[in-house]
Amino acid sequence: MNLNTGRIHVTQNFRPYKAAKYIKSDDSFFQIAQIKELCVYPGDANPRMSWEGMIPRPIESRDLERVRAHARADFAALVKDVKANLKAPLADKQPIHALQFRRIGHVDGELVWEDAKGERLVMTDAGMTEEPASSHLLDFFRATYWKTRSW
């Protein structure tokens, strides 16, 4: 996420299968990247980006506050925007968005996120066959990070 604009960008290094061993792959990065010059490719929801050189620094609490400030708080408006974006033939079929939530809990055994207006989203790993299941990992967070309860 760009901490100034709140826009979520994606970095991808496409590697042909036969040449994968000759092309560098980058590991996930969990710090703040301070970048002098950023190249952003055209795109709607999560445009691709690239850069040459960066200065990494650890994440600070003020960075997380900025992420939360940029997160979408209205689930209904977000769902409408995602549906409109998915209609485009070249749209990313798995867009990434930051969400503000009032609470997270279980309803009939399903993980549910609720926004300030009471709108709910069911969180699943459906459609992510190439990725390992991860929704269940939220149960390992301490209760101080989010309120959990069965409704």
Protein backbone atom coordinates (compact mmCIF):
# COMPACT_ATOMS: atom_id res chain seq x y z
CA MET A 1 0.00 0.00 0.00
CA ASN A 2 1.23 3.47 -0.83
CA LEU A 3 1.04 5.13 2.58
CA ASN A 4 0.44 8.57 1.03
CA THR A 5 -2.43 7.67 -1.30
CA GLY A 6 -3.77 4.43 0.17
CA ARG A 7 -3.60 2.75 -3.24
CA ILE A 8 -2.60 -0.91 -3.16
CA HIS A 9 -0.13 -1.87 -5.87
CA VAL A 10 1.12 -5.31 -6.86
CA THR A 11 4.62 -6.37 -7.78
CA GLN A 12 4.92 -9.43 -9.97
CA ASN A 13 7.91 -11.07 -11.52
CA PHE A 14 6.63 -13.30 -14.32
CA ARG A 15 9.02 -16.16 -14.98
CA PRO A 16 8.57 -18.59 -17.89
CA TYR A 17 8.50 -22.13 -16.54
CA LYS A 18 11.47 -23.35 -18.60
CA ALA A 19 13.60 -20.32 -17.65
CA ALA A 20 12.52 -20.03 -14.01
CA LYS A 21 15.85 -21.27 -12.67
CA TYR A 22 17.68 -18.44 -14.53
CA ILE A 23 15.41 -15.59 -13.39
CA LYS A 24 15.59 -14.24 -9.86
CA SER A 25 12.48 -14.63 -7.73
CA ASP A 26 11.90 -12.31 -4.79
CA ASP A 27 10.63 -13.43 -1.42
CA SER A 28 7.73 -11.70 0.29
CA PHE A 29 8.70 -8.39 1.84
CA PHE A 30 7.27 -7.27 5.17
CA GLN A 31 8.90 -3.89 5.72
CA ILE A 32 8.42 -0.36 4.43
CA ALA A 33 10.14 0.23 1.09
CA GLN A 34 11.38 3.79 0.66
CA ILE A 35 11.61 4.21 -3.10
CA LYS A 36 13.11 7.13 -4.97
CA GLU A 37 11.42 6.50 -8.34
CA LEU A 38 8.38 4.27 -8.89
CA CYS A 39 7.02 3.00 -12.21
CA VAL A 40 3.26 2.31 -12.08
CA TYR A 41 1.71 0.42 -14.98
CA PRO A 42 -1.86 1.15 -16.15
CA GLY A 43 -4.53 -0.67 -14.20
CA ASP A 44 -7.63 -0.20 -12.10
CA ALA A 45 -7.86 -1.99 -8.77
CA ASN A 46 -4.25 -3.05 -8.09
CA PRO A 47 -1.93 -1.74 -10.81
CA ARG A 48 1.47 -3.38 -11.22
CA MET A 49 4.54 -1.44 -10.20
CA SER A 50 8.29 -1.78 -10.38
CA TRP A 51 11.33 0.09 -9.14
CA GLU A 52 15.10 -0.02 -9.08
CA GLY A 53 16.65 0.11 -5.64
CA MET A 54 15.01 0.85 -2.33
CA ILE A 55 15.83 1.55 1.28
CA PRO A 56 13.97 -0.85 3.60
CA ARG A 57 12.91 0.17 7.07
CA PRO A 58 10.94 -1.62 9.79
CA ILE A 59 7.19 -1.04 10.09
CA GLU A 60 6.24 1.45 12.81
CA SER A 61 2.90 1.92 14.55
CA ARG A 62 2.26 5.17 12.65
CA ASP A 63 2.52 3.20 9.37
CA LEU A 64 -0.18 0.80 10.53
CA GLU A 65 -2.36 3.74 11.56
CA ARG A 66 -2.06 5.14 8.02
CA VAL A 67 -2.99 1.78 6.53
CA ARG A 68 -6.07 1.64 8.74
CA ALA A 69 -7.02 5.19 7.78
CA HIS A 70 -6.91 4.23 4.09
CA ALA A 71 -8.84 0.96 4.55
CA ARG A 72 -12.37 0.72 3.15
CA ALA A 73 -15.01 0.96 5.89
CA ASP A 74 -18.16 0.45 3.78
CA PHE A 75 -18.40 -3.18 2.65
CA ALA A 76 -21.42 -2.61 0.38
CA ALA A 77 -19.63 0.14 -1.58
CA LEU A 78 -16.49 -2.01 -1.83
CA VAL A 79 -18.43 -5.01 -3.16
CA LYS A 80 -20.09 -2.75 -5.76
CA ASP A 81 -16.68 -1.40 -6.87
CA VAL A 82 -15.17 -4.89 -7.08
CA LYS A 83 -18.09 -6.21 -9.14
CA ALA A 84 -17.80 -3.27 -11.56
CA ASN A 85 -14.06 -3.82 -11.87
CA LEU A 86 -14.40 -7.56 -12.51
CA LYS A 87 -16.56 -6.89 -15.56
CA ALA A 88 -13.52 -5.54 -17.43
CA PRO A 89 -11.98 -8.30 -19.59
CA LEU A 90 -8.40 -7.57 -18.47
CA ALA A 91 -9.20 -6.93 -14.81
CA ASP A 92 -7.30 -8.74 -12.08
CA LYS A 93 -9.68 -11.49 -10.97
CA GLN A 94 -8.31 -11.45 -7.42
CA PRO A 95 -8.14 -7.78 -6.38
CA ILE A 96 -6.68 -6.82 -3.02
CA HIS A 97 -8.34 -4.30 -0.70
CA ALA A 98 -7.76 -3.21 2.90
CA LEU A 99 -10.86 -3.45 5.08
CA GLN A 100 -11.84 -1.69 8.27
CA PHE A 101 -14.05 -3.85 10.41
CA ARG A 102 -16.02 -3.41 13.59
CA ARG A 103 -15.73 -7.04 14.59
CA ILE A 104 -14.85 -10.50 13.33
CA GLY A 105 -16.62 -13.62 14.49
CA HIS A 106 -18.13 -16.95 13.55
CA VAL A 107 -21.68 -17.35 12.26
CA ASP A 108 -22.81 -20.95 11.78
CA GLY A 109 -19.15 -22.02 11.68
CA GLU A 110 -18.14 -19.49 9.02
CA LEU A 111 -15.72 -16.63 9.56
CA VAL A 112 -17.57 -13.31 9.15
CA TRP A 113 -16.30 -9.71 9.10
CA GLU A 114 -18.72 -6.92 10.02
CA ASP A 115 -18.36 -3.22 9.17
CA ALA A 116 -19.56 -0.23 11.20
CA LYS A 117 -22.96 -0.32 9.46
CA GLY A 118 -23.55 -3.98 10.32
CA GLU A 119 -22.91 -5.25 6.78
CA ARG A 120 -21.19 -8.65 6.79
CA LEU A 121 -18.75 -10.48 4.54
CA VAL A 122 -18.12 -14.21 4.79
CA MET A 123 -14.39 -14.91 4.50
CA THR A 124 -13.41 -18.14 2.73
CA ASP A 125 -10.52 -19.59 0.80
CA ALA A 126 -12.83 -20.55 -2.10
CA GLY A 127 -11.40 -19.90 -5.53
CA MET A 128 -7.79 -19.84 -4.32
CA THR A 129 -6.78 -23.33 -5.44
CA GLU A 130 -3.16 -22.33 -6.12
CA GLU A 131 -2.73 -20.90 -2.61
CA PRO A 132 -2.86 -22.79 0.69
CA ALA A 133 -5.88 -22.17 2.90
CA SER A 134 -5.28 -19.26 5.28
CA SER A 135 -8.61 -17.93 6.62
CA HIS A 136 -8.43 -20.31 9.57
CA LEU A 137 -5.18 -18.65 10.69
CA LEU A 138 -7.13 -15.62 11.95
CA ASP A 139 -8.22 -17.77 14.90
CA PHE A 140 -4.62 -17.72 16.15
CA PHE A 141 -4.59 -13.94 16.70
CA ARG A 142 -5.06 -12.82 20.26
CA ALA A 143 -8.45 -11.38 21.15
CA THR A 144 -6.79 -7.98 21.64
CA TYR A 145 -6.39 -7.69 17.87
CA TRP A 146 -10.05 -8.31 17.09
CA LYS A 147 -13.24 -9.19 18.86
CA THR A 148 -14.37 -12.72 18.21
CA ARG A 149 -17.64 -14.21 19.17
CA SER A 150 -20.32 -16.41 17.73
CA TRP A 151 -23.44 -14.50 16.83
